[in-house]
Amino acid sequence: MSHKPSKRDLAVAAAVLLLPAAFVWGQATAPAPPKYEPTEIQRLRLEVKQRDAKLAQRDLADAQARFQAAVAALMAEGDAVREANKWPKDVALNPDTLVFAEPPQAAKPAAPGPGKGEKP
């Protein structure tokens, strides 16, 4: 008489087989204690400096976001000035110099002259 295992039976068998292996693997990969351990006072000083650095990083991210918003507002104001003066759409504001200019024209390819593939 053959008994076909159910999904539940297979799950229980897998758990029974894998749990001890996972436990042994977890024990084998436990981190070794640190070789160099600062004193408690040194550790506390390091934690304070680490916290200060994280706060400064957050402040930097906030300042970067404010800067990007300010540049976007400057460029939007430049667009408004361009439209108010009815300048062409390709006229752009340089945010560093506050000068409006058309983009530089692409250099036209030089006409081939003598010696450049053309017979005189």
Foldseek 3Di string as FASTA:
>chain_A
DDDDDDPVNVVVVCCVVVVVVVVVVVVVPPDDPDPDDDDPVVVVVVVVVVVVVVVVVVVVVVVVVVVVVVVVVVQVVQVVVCVVVVHDPQFGADVVVRDTDHPDDDDDDDDDDPPRPDPD
